[in-house]
Amino acid sequence: MLTGPCTPSMDSPELQGFSELDDLCFSPVWRKDYKKLDRFRMGTYLHYYTTRFFSHPIGFLRCLAVFSLENAAQRVR
């Protein structure tokens, strides 16, 4: 299961200077505004996962457990 936040509108002042939402999916450390971008991205993820946890706590914990068990199984191999 792959989960991620829905990004805000491209009209948001924090997202100016990007031609597409795909520009937010990698870490462009060469950009002058990298720290601002990274802080905004981490805040977006924090907001998404906090909302998901409080809205669907059982599903969130189940997803977290499955993810953790899959990673543990891959480490054993």
PDB file of N, CA and C in Angstrom:
ATOM      1  N   MET A   1       0.857  -1.168   0.000  1.00  0.00           N
ATOM      2  CA  MET A   1       0.000   0.000   0.000  1.00  0.00           C
ATOM      3  C   MET A   1       0.903   1.232   0.000  1.00  0.00           C
ATOM      4  N   LEU A   2       0.628   2.128  -0.898  1.00  0.00           N
ATOM      5  CA  LEU A   2       1.410   3.348  -1.017  1.00  0.00           C
ATOM      6  C   LEU A   2       0.528   4.518  -0.625  1.00  0.00           C
ATOM      7  N   THR A   3       0.956   5.295   0.361  1.00  0.00           N
ATOM      8  CA  THR A   3       0.158   6.438   0.795  1.00  0.00           C
ATOM      9  C   THR A   3       1.006   7.689   0.766  1.00  0.00           C
ATOM     10  N   GLY A   4       0.373   8.800   0.558  1.00  0.00           N
ATOM     11  CA  GLY A   4       1.058  10.087   0.537  1.00  0.00           C
ATOM     12  C   GLY A   4       0.038  11.203   0.600  1.00  0.00           C
ATOM     13  N   PRO A   5       0.476  12.377   0.946  1.00  0.00           N
ATOM     14  CA  PRO A   5      -0.465  13.484   1.092  1.00  0.00           C
ATOM     15  C   PRO A   5      -0.917  14.039  -0.250  1.00  0.00           C
ATOM     16  N   CYS A   6      -2.106  14.559  -0.259  1.00  0.00           N
ATOM     17  CA  CYS A   6      -2.574  15.312  -1.424  1.00  0.00           C
ATOM     18  C   CYS A   6      -1.959  16.701  -1.306  1.00  0.00           C
ATOM     19  N   THR A   7      -1.291  17.126  -2.339  1.00  0.00           N
ATOM     20  CA  THR A   7      -0.636  18.425  -2.278  1.00  0.00           C
ATOM     21  C   THR A   7      -1.640  19.542  -2.463  1.00  0.00           C
ATOM     22  N   PRO A   8      -1.384  20.699  -1.879  1.00  0.00           N
ATOM     23  CA  PRO A   8      -2.296  21.827  -2.015  1.00  0.00           C
ATOM     24  C   PRO A   8      -2.271  22.384  -3.432  1.00  0.00           C
ATOM     25  N   SER A   9      -3.085  23.347  -3.644  1.00  0.00           N
ATOM     26  CA  SER A   9      -3.172  23.976  -4.965  1.00  0.00           C
ATOM     27  C   SER A   9      -1.837  24.577  -5.363  1.00  0.00           C
ATOM     28  N   MET A  10      -1.550  24.578  -6.652  1.00  0.00           N
ATOM     29  CA  MET A  10      -0.307  25.169  -7.148  1.00  0.00           C
ATOM     30  C   MET A  10      -0.301  26.689  -6.971  1.00  0.00           C
ATOM     31  N   ASP A  11      -1.446  27.268  -6.628  1.00  0.00           N
ATOM     32  CA  ASP A  11      -1.511  28.705  -6.391  1.00  0.00           C
ATOM     33  C   ASP A  11      -0.987  29.089  -5.010  1.00  0.00           C
ATOM     34  N   SER A  12      -0.716  28.104  -4.184  1.00  0.00           N
ATOM     35  CA  SER A  12      -0.225  28.367  -2.840  1.00  0.00           C
ATOM     36  C   SER A  12       1.110  29.101  -2.912  1.00  0.00           C
ATOM     37  N   PRO A  13       1.318  30.124  -2.076  1.00  0.00           N
ATOM     38  CA  PRO A  13       2.571  30.885  -2.131  1.00  0.00           C
ATOM     39  C   PRO A  13       3.810  30.037  -1.852  1.00  0.00           C
ATOM     40  N   GLU A  14       3.665  28.965  -1.060  1.00  0.00           N
ATOM     41  CA  GLU A  14       4.804  28.112  -0.751  1.00  0.00           C
ATOM     42  C   GLU A  14       5.287  27.331  -1.969  1.00  0.00           C
ATOM     43  N   LEU A  15       4.411  27.166  -2.967  1.00  0.00           N
ATOM     44  CA  LEU A  15       4.740  26.330  -4.111  1.00  0.00           C
ATOM     45  C   LEU A  15       5.068  27.123  -5.368  1.00  0.00           C
ATOM     46  N   GLN A  16       5.289  28.386  -5.258  1.00  0.00           N
ATOM     47  CA  GLN A  16       5.622  29.178  -6.436  1.00  0.00           C
ATOM     48  C   GLN A  16       6.979  28.763  -6.974  1.00  0.00           C
ATOM     49  N   GLY A  17       7.124  28.772  -8.282  1.00  0.00           N
ATOM     50  CA  GLY A  17       8.389  28.431  -8.902  1.00  0.00           C
ATOM     51  C   GLY A  17       8.475  26.999  -9.378  1.00  0.00           C
ATOM     52  N   PHE A  18       7.394  26.242  -9.244  1.00  0.00           N
ATOM     53  CA  PHE A  18       7.362  24.862  -9.707  1.00  0.00           C
ATOM     54  C   PHE A  18       6.403  24.764 -10.877  1.00  0.00           C
ATOM     55  N   SER A  19       6.830  24.070 -11.927  1.00  0.00           N
ATOM     56  CA  SER A  19       5.962  23.934 -13.085  1.00  0.00           C
ATOM     57  C   SER A  19       4.984  22.779 -12.917  1.00  0.00           C
ATOM     58  N   GLU A  20       5.371  21.753 -12.160  1.00  0.00           N
ATOM     59  CA  GLU A  20       4.506  20.597 -11.947  1.00  0.00           C
ATOM     60  C   GLU A  20       4.665  20.090 -10.523  1.00  0.00           C
ATOM     61  N   LEU A  21       3.660  19.345 -10.052  1.00  0.00           N
ATOM     62  CA  LEU A  21       3.728  18.779  -8.709  1.00  0.00           C
ATOM     63  C   LEU A  21       4.854  17.757  -8.586  1.00  0.00           C
ATOM     64  N   ASP A  22       5.272  17.164  -9.690  1.00  0.00           N
ATOM     65  CA  ASP A  22       6.373  16.197  -9.652  1.00  0.00           C
ATOM     66  C   ASP A  22       7.665  16.824  -9.149  1.00  0.00           C
ATOM     67  N   ASP A  23       7.786  18.144  -9.258  1.00  0.00           N
ATOM     68  CA  ASP A  23       8.992  18.819  -8.777  1.00  0.00           C
ATOM     69  C   ASP A  23       9.148  18.692  -7.263  1.00  0.00           C
ATOM     70  N   LEU A  24       8.079  18.350  -6.558  1.00  0.00           N
ATOM     71  CA  LEU A  24       8.133  18.213  -5.106  1.00  0.00           C
ATOM     72  C   LEU A  24       8.487  16.792  -4.671  1.00  0.00           C
ATOM     73  N   CYS A  25       8.611  15.873  -5.603  1.00  0.00           N
ATOM     74  CA  CYS A  25       8.789  14.463  -5.272  1.00  0.00           C
ATOM     75  C   CYS A  25      10.248  14.048  -5.102  1.00  0.00           C
ATOM     76  N   PHE A  26      11.161  14.911  -5.289  1.00  0.00           N
ATOM     77  CA  PHE A  26      12.558  14.582  -5.078  1.00  0.00           C
ATOM     78  C   PHE A  26      13.203  15.708  -4.293  1.00  0.00           C
ATOM     79  N   SER A  27      14.439  15.543  -3.898  1.00  0.00           N
ATOM     80  CA  SER A  27      15.107  16.528  -3.066  1.00  0.00           C
ATOM     81  C   SER A  27      16.112  17.337  -3.890  1.00  0.00           C
ATOM     82  N   PRO A  28      15.669  18.466  -4.417  1.00  0.00           N
ATOM     83  CA  PRO A  28      16.575  19.294  -5.223  1.00  0.00           C
ATOM     84  C   PRO A  28      17.455  20.164  -4.334  1.00  0.00           C
ATOM     85  N   VAL A  29      18.512  19.585  -3.770  1.00  0.00           N
ATOM     86  CA  VAL A  29      19.352  20.297  -2.805  1.00  0.00           C
ATOM     87  C   VAL A  29      20.079  21.485  -3.428  1.00  0.00           C
ATOM     88  N   TRP A  30      20.120  21.550  -4.754  1.00  0.00           N
ATOM     89  CA  TRP A  30      20.803  22.662  -5.409  1.00  0.00           C
ATOM     90  C   TRP A  30      19.946  23.923  -5.470  1.00  0.00           C
ATOM     91  N   ARG A  31      18.660  23.822  -5.153  1.00  0.00           N
ATOM     92  CA  ARG A  31      17.791  24.999  -5.209  1.00  0.00           C
ATOM     93  C   ARG A  31      18.115  25.961  -4.072  1.00  0.00           C
ATOM     94  N   LYS A  32      17.959  27.225  -4.329  1.00  0.00           N
ATOM     95  CA  LYS A  32      18.210  28.240  -3.286  1.00  0.00           C
ATOM     96  C   LYS A  32      17.208  28.105  -2.141  1.00  0.00           C
ATOM     97  N   ASP A  33      15.982  27.721  -2.479  1.00  0.00           N
ATOM     98  CA  ASP A  33      14.920  27.639  -1.474  1.00  0.00           C
ATOM     99  C   ASP A  33      14.703  26.198  -0.989  1.00  0.00           C
ATOM    100  N   TYR A  34      15.764  25.385  -1.005  1.00  0.00           N
ATOM    101  CA  TYR A  34      15.622  23.983  -0.613  1.00  0.00           C
ATOM    102  C   TYR A  34      15.112  23.836   0.824  1.00  0.00           C
ATOM    103  N   LYS A  35      15.667  24.601   1.750  1.00  0.00           N
ATOM    104  CA  LYS A  35      15.245  24.470   3.156  1.00  0.00           C
ATOM    105  C   LYS A  35      13.764  24.793   3.310  1.00  0.00           C
ATOM    106  N   LYS A  36      13.309  25.819   2.617  1.00  0.00           N
ATOM    107  CA  LYS A  36      11.898  26.192   2.674  1.00  0.00           C
ATOM    108  C   LYS A  36      11.039  25.080   2.076  1.00  0.00           C
ATOM    109  N   LEU A  37      11.459  24.531   0.952  1.00  0.00           N
ATOM    110  CA  LEU A  37      10.735  23.444   0.303  1.00  0.00           C
ATOM    111  C   LEU A  37      10.682  22.216   1.209  1.00  0.00           C
ATOM    112  N   ASP A  38      11.803  21.847   1.797  1.00  0.00           N
ATOM    113  CA  ASP A  38      11.867  20.677   2.655  1.00  0.00           C
ATOM    114  C   ASP A  38      11.002  20.848   3.896  1.00  0.00           C
ATOM    115  N   ARG A  39      11.041  22.033   4.485  1.00  0.00           N
ATOM    116  CA  ARG A  39      10.217  22.315   5.662  1.00  0.00           C
ATOM    117  C   ARG A  39       8.732  22.219   5.306  1.00  0.00           C
ATOM    118  N   PHE A  40       8.362  22.766   4.148  1.00  0.00           N
ATOM    119  CA  PHE A  40       6.971  22.705   3.704  1.00  0.00           C
ATOM    120  C   PHE A  40       6.551  21.253   3.447  1.00  0.00           C
ATOM    121  N   ARG A  41       7.419  20.481   2.810  1.00  0.00           N
ATOM    122  CA  ARG A  41       7.097  19.083   2.498  1.00  0.00           C
ATOM    123  C   ARG A  41       6.933  18.277   3.783  1.00  0.00           C
ATOM    124  N   MET A  42       7.838  18.456   4.743  1.00  0.00           N
ATOM    125  CA  MET A  42       7.730  17.725   6.008  1.00  0.00           C
ATOM    126  C   MET A  42       6.460  18.125   6.771  1.00  0.00           C
ATOM    127  N   GLY A  43       6.116  19.412   6.719  1.00  0.00           N
ATOM    128  CA  GLY A  43       4.879  19.867   7.356  1.00  0.00           C
ATOM    129  C   GLY A  43       3.650  19.257   6.705  1.00  0.00           C
ATOM    130  N   THR A  44       3.698  19.116   5.377  1.00  0.00           N
ATOM    131  CA  THR A  44       2.582  18.509   4.654  1.00  0.00           C
ATOM    132  C   THR A  44       2.432  17.051   5.045  1.00  0.00           C
ATOM    133  N   TYR A  45       3.551  16.312   5.106  1.00  0.00           N
ATOM    134  CA  TYR A  45       3.489  14.912   5.518  1.00  0.00           C
ATOM    135  C   TYR A  45       3.022  14.783   6.963  1.00  0.00           C
ATOM    136  N   LEU A  46       3.513  15.620   7.841  1.00  0.00           N
ATOM    137  CA  LEU A  46       3.097  15.573   9.244  1.00  0.00           C
ATOM    138  C   LEU A  46       1.596  15.806   9.361  1.00  0.00           C
ATOM    139  N   HIS A  47       1.094  16.795   8.638  1.00  0.00           N
ATOM    140  CA  HIS A  47      -0.344  17.091   8.658  1.00  0.00           C
ATOM    141  C   HIS A  47      -1.144  15.904   8.136  1.00  0.00           C
ATOM    142  N   TYR A  48      -0.701  15.313   7.032  1.00  0.00           N
ATOM    143  CA  TYR A  48      -1.415  14.185   6.431  1.00  0.00           C
ATOM    144  C   TYR A  48      -1.468  12.995   7.384  1.00  0.00           C
ATOM    145  N   TYR A  49      -0.319  12.588   7.923  1.00  0.00           N
ATOM    146  CA  TYR A  49      -0.298  11.400   8.767  1.00  0.00           C
ATOM    147  C   TYR A  49      -0.984  11.640  10.112  1.00  0.00           C
ATOM    148  N   THR A  50      -0.920  12.846  10.633  1.00  0.00           N
ATOM    149  CA  THR A  50      -1.646  13.162  11.864  1.00  0.00           C
ATOM    150  C   THR A  50      -3.152  13.084  11.623  1.00  0.00           C
ATOM    151  N   THR A  51      -3.600  13.664  10.519  1.00  0.00           N
ATOM    152  CA  THR A  51      -5.031  13.606  10.182  1.00  0.00           C
ATOM    153  C   THR A  51      -5.462  12.168   9.955  1.00  0.00           C
ATOM    154  N   ARG A  52      -4.660  11.407   9.248  1.00  0.00           N
ATOM    155  CA  ARG A  52      -4.996  10.006   8.978  1.00  0.00           C
ATOM    156  C   ARG A  52      -5.052   9.215  10.286  1.00  0.00           C
ATOM    157  N   PHE A  53      -4.121   9.472  11.195  1.00  0.00           N
ATOM    158  CA  PHE A  53      -4.107   8.752  12.466  1.00  0.00           C
ATOM    159  C   PHE A  53      -5.365   9.022  13.274  1.00  0.00           C
ATOM    160  N   PHE A  54      -5.786  10.289  13.351  1.00  0.00           N
ATOM    161  CA  PHE A  54      -6.959  10.621  14.143  1.00  0.00           C
ATOM    162  C   PHE A  54      -8.264  10.267  13.439  1.00  0.00           C
ATOM    163  N   SER A  55      -8.272  10.230  12.117  1.00  0.00           N
ATOM    164  CA  SER A  55      -9.486   9.892  11.380  1.00  0.00           C
ATOM    165  C   SER A  55      -9.702   8.387  11.290  1.00  0.00           C
ATOM    166  N   HIS A  56      -8.623   7.630  11.085  1.00  0.00           N
ATOM    167  CA  HIS A  56      -8.712   6.182  10.907  1.00  0.00           C
ATOM    168  C   HIS A  56      -7.584   5.501  11.686  1.00  0.00           C
ATOM    169  N   PRO A  57      -7.657   5.530  13.022  1.00  0.00           N
ATOM    170  CA  PRO A  57      -6.526   5.023  13.823  1.00  0.00           C
ATOM    171  C   PRO A  57      -6.240   3.533  13.608  1.00  0.00           C
ATOM    172  N   ILE A  58      -7.268   2.709  13.479  1.00  0.00           N
ATOM    173  CA  ILE A  58      -7.034   1.265  13.317  1.00  0.00           C
ATOM    174  C   ILE A  58      -6.382   0.987  11.965  1.00  0.00           C
ATOM    175  N   GLY A  59      -6.901   1.592  10.917  1.00  0.00           N
ATOM    176  CA  GLY A  59      -6.320   1.415   9.587  1.00  0.00           C
ATOM    177  C   GLY A  59      -4.894   1.932   9.525  1.00  0.00           C
ATOM    178  N   PHE A  60      -4.643   3.056  10.180  1.00  0.00           N
ATOM    179  CA  PHE A  60      -3.289   3.624  10.205  1.00  0.00           C
ATOM    180  C   PHE A  60      -2.324   2.679  10.899  1.00  0.00           C
ATOM    181  N   LEU A  61      -2.718   2.160  12.051  1.00  0.00           N
ATOM    182  CA  LEU A  61      -1.850   1.248  12.797  1.00  0.00           C
ATOM    183  C   LEU A  61      -1.659  -0.062  12.050  1.00  0.00           C
ATOM    184  N   ARG A  62      -2.709  -0.545  11.386  1.00  0.00           N
ATOM    185  CA  ARG A  62      -2.595  -1.768  10.591  1.00  0.00           C
ATOM    186  C   ARG A  62      -1.588  -1.562   9.451  1.00  0.00           C
ATOM    187  N   CYS A  63      -1.706  -0.445   8.759  1.00  0.00           N
ATOM    188  CA  CYS A  63      -0.790  -0.134   7.662  1.00  0.00           C
ATOM    189  C   CYS A  63       0.653  -0.026   8.177  1.00  0.00           C
ATOM    190  N   LEU A  64       0.821   0.602   9.314  1.00  0.00           N
ATOM    191  CA  LEU A  64       2.145   0.746   9.920  1.00  0.00           C
ATOM    192  C   LEU A  64       2.724  -0.619  10.299  1.00  0.00           C
ATOM    193  N   ALA A  65       1.869  -1.501  10.851  1.00  0.00           N
ATOM    194  CA  ALA A  65       2.322  -2.837  11.241  1.00  0.00           C
ATOM    195  C   ALA A  65       2.722  -3.651  10.015  1.00  0.00           C
ATOM    196  N   VAL A  66       1.913  -3.602   8.954  1.00  0.00           N
ATOM    197  CA  VAL A  66       2.227  -4.342   7.732  1.00  0.00           C
ATOM    198  C   VAL A  66       3.537  -3.836   7.146  1.00  0.00           C
ATOM    199  N   PHE A  67       3.703  -2.537   7.105  1.00  0.00           N
ATOM    200  CA  PHE A  67       4.929  -1.948   6.584  1.00  0.00           C
ATOM    201  C   PHE A  67       6.134  -2.395   7.402  1.00  0.00           C
ATOM    202  N   SER A  68       6.008  -2.374   8.721  1.00  0.00           N
ATOM    203  CA  SER A  68       7.111  -2.775   9.603  1.00  0.00           C
ATOM    204  C   SER A  68       7.441  -4.252   9.442  1.00  0.00           C
ATOM    205  N   LEU A  69       6.419  -5.096   9.343  1.00  0.00           N
ATOM    206  CA  LEU A  69       6.658  -6.537   9.196  1.00  0.00           C
ATOM    207  C   LEU A  69       7.293  -6.860   7.843  1.00  0.00           C
ATOM    208  N   GLU A  70       6.871  -6.175   6.797  1.00  0.00           N
ATOM    209  CA  GLU A  70       7.468  -6.403   5.477  1.00  0.00           C
ATOM    210  C   GLU A  70       8.937  -5.997   5.470  1.00  0.00           C
ATOM    211  N   ASN A  71       9.245  -4.882   6.113  1.00  0.00           N
ATOM    212  CA  ASN A  71      10.645  -4.445   6.189  1.00  0.00           C
ATOM    213  C   ASN A  71      11.486  -5.415   7.011  1.00  0.00           C
ATOM    214  N   ALA A  72      10.907  -5.942   8.092  1.00  0.00           N
ATOM    215  CA  ALA A  72      11.641  -6.893   8.932  1.00  0.00           C
ATOM    216  C   ALA A  72      11.884  -8.177   8.150  1.00  0.00           C
ATOM    217  N   ALA A  73      10.913  -8.620   7.368  1.00  0.00           N
ATOM    218  CA  ALA A  73      11.070  -9.840   6.577  1.00  0.00           C
ATOM    219  C   ALA A  73      12.134  -9.663   5.506  1.00  0.00           C
ATOM    220  N   GLN A  74      12.210  -8.487   4.932  1.00  0.00           N
ATOM    221  CA  GLN A  74      13.220  -8.234   3.904  1.00  0.00           C
ATOM    222  C   GLN A  74      14.620  -8.182   4.511  1.00  0.00           C
ATOM    223  N   ARG A  75      14.737  -7.707   5.744  1.00  0.00           N
ATOM    224  CA  ARG A  75      16.034  -7.651   6.396  1.00  0.00           C
ATOM    225  C   ARG A  75      16.549  -9.036   6.735  1.00  0.00           C
ATOM    226  N   VAL A  76      15.637  -9.957   7.010  1.00  0.00           N
ATOM    227  CA  VAL A  76      16.028 -11.320   7.370  1.00  0.00           C
ATOM    228  C   VAL A  76      16.587 -12.060   6.168  1.00  0.00           C
ATOM    229  N   ARG A  77      16.071 -11.784   4.984  1.00  0.00           N
ATOM    230  CA  ARG A  77      16.508 -12.491   3.759  1.00  0.00           C
ATOM    231  C   ARG A  77      17.928 -12.282   3.480  1.00  0.00           C
TER     232      ARG A  77
END
